[in-house]
C-alpha cells in the first residue's frame, strides 16, 4: 500500500485537519507548542498525523489519543499504543 500526502503549510494542514492539534497526546502537544518555526511545526504535525492515519488503516478502532509517536535513542520515530 502506498500513501502519498503533501502539506505545503500549517494553514493547509489545519484546513485539511482543523482539529489536528487535538489529535496529539499531552506530550506531543507540549513538543508541538515548543516548535517556533511554522514550517517545522507543519512538518512535525504532518508526520504525527500521517503515522497515526497509517496506524488507523491497520487498527480502525484506534483513538488518536491512545497512540503516541515517540523517538528512539537514534532519533527514529516509533508508535506507542
Protein backbone atom coordinates (compact mmCIF):
# COMPACT_ATOMS: atom_id res chain seq x y z
CA UNK A 1 0.00 0.00 0.00
CA UNK A 2 1.37 3.41 -0.96
CA UNK A 3 0.27 6.58 0.73
CA UNK A 4 1.09 9.97 -0.75
CA UNK A 5 0.45 13.05 1.28
CA UNK A 6 1.82 16.53 0.84
CA UNK A 7 1.35 19.56 3.00
CA UNK A 8 2.63 22.96 1.94
CA UNK A 9 1.91 24.95 5.05
CA UNK A 10 0.48 24.74 8.53
CA UNK A 11 -2.58 26.57 7.17
CA UNK A 12 -3.08 23.85 4.54
CA UNK A 13 -2.65 21.14 7.17
CA UNK A 14 -5.10 22.77 9.56
CA UNK A 15 -7.56 23.30 6.72
CA UNK A 16 -7.50 19.55 5.99
CA UNK A 17 -7.45 18.61 9.67
CA UNK A 18 -8.95 21.55 11.60
CA UNK A 19 -8.68 19.68 14.87
CA UNK A 20 -5.14 18.40 14.19
CA UNK A 21 -3.60 19.70 17.44
CA UNK A 22 -6.38 17.97 19.39
CA UNK A 23 -5.21 14.66 17.88
CA UNK A 24 -1.99 14.90 19.89
CA UNK A 25 -1.30 13.38 23.29
CA UNK A 26 -0.28 15.74 26.09
CA UNK A 27 3.45 15.07 25.49
CA UNK A 28 3.06 15.54 21.74
CA UNK A 29 1.14 18.79 22.25
CA UNK A 30 3.86 20.06 24.57
CA UNK A 31 6.53 19.34 21.94
CA UNK A 32 4.39 20.93 19.21
CA UNK A 33 3.98 24.13 21.24
CA UNK A 34 7.76 24.40 21.70
CA UNK A 35 8.33 24.48 17.94
CA UNK A 36 8.54 28.14 16.95
CA UNK A 37 9.16 27.93 13.20
CA UNK A 38 5.84 27.44 11.32
CA UNK A 39 7.45 25.25 8.63
CA UNK A 40 8.88 22.95 11.31
CA UNK A 41 5.52 22.87 13.13
CA UNK A 42 3.89 21.83 9.87
CA UNK A 43 6.40 19.08 9.15
CA UNK A 44 6.27 17.77 12.70
CA UNK A 45 2.47 17.78 12.91
CA UNK A 46 2.09 16.27 9.45
CA UNK A 47 4.42 13.43 10.43
CA UNK A 48 2.43 12.64 13.56
CA UNK A 49 -0.88 12.69 11.71
CA UNK A 50 0.49 10.55 8.87
CA UNK A 51 1.79 7.91 11.29
CA UNK A 52 -1.48 7.87 13.22
CA UNK A 53 -3.52 7.70 9.98
CA UNK A 54 -1.46 4.72 8.86
CA UNK A 55 -1.98 3.03 12.23
CA UNK A 56 -5.74 3.56 11.85
CA UNK A 57 -5.62 1.75 8.49
CA UNK A 58 -4.28 -1.27 10.39
CA UNK A 59 -6.36 -0.78 13.57
CA UNK A 60 -9.60 1.02 12.53
CA UNK A 61 -10.79 1.47 16.12
CA UNK A 62 -7.61 3.24 17.21
CA UNK A 63 -8.20 6.51 19.03
CA UNK A 64 -5.55 9.11 18.16
CA UNK A 65 -5.00 9.88 21.83
CA UNK A 66 -4.25 6.22 22.56
CA UNK A 67 -1.25 6.32 20.23
CA UNK A 68 1.83 8.44 20.80
CA UNK A 69 4.69 8.92 18.39
CA UNK A 70 7.95 8.73 20.33
CA UNK A 71 11.60 8.81 19.36
CA UNK A 72 14.17 6.09 19.86
CA UNK A 73 17.65 6.98 21.10
CA UNK A 74 18.82 7.17 17.48
CA UNK A 75 16.03 9.63 16.62
CA UNK A 76 13.84 7.24 14.65
CA UNK A 77 10.11 7.54 15.38
CA UNK A 78 8.02 4.69 16.75
CA UNK A 79 4.37 4.42 17.67
CA UNK A 80 3.47 3.55 21.23
CA UNK A 81 -0.07 2.28 21.71
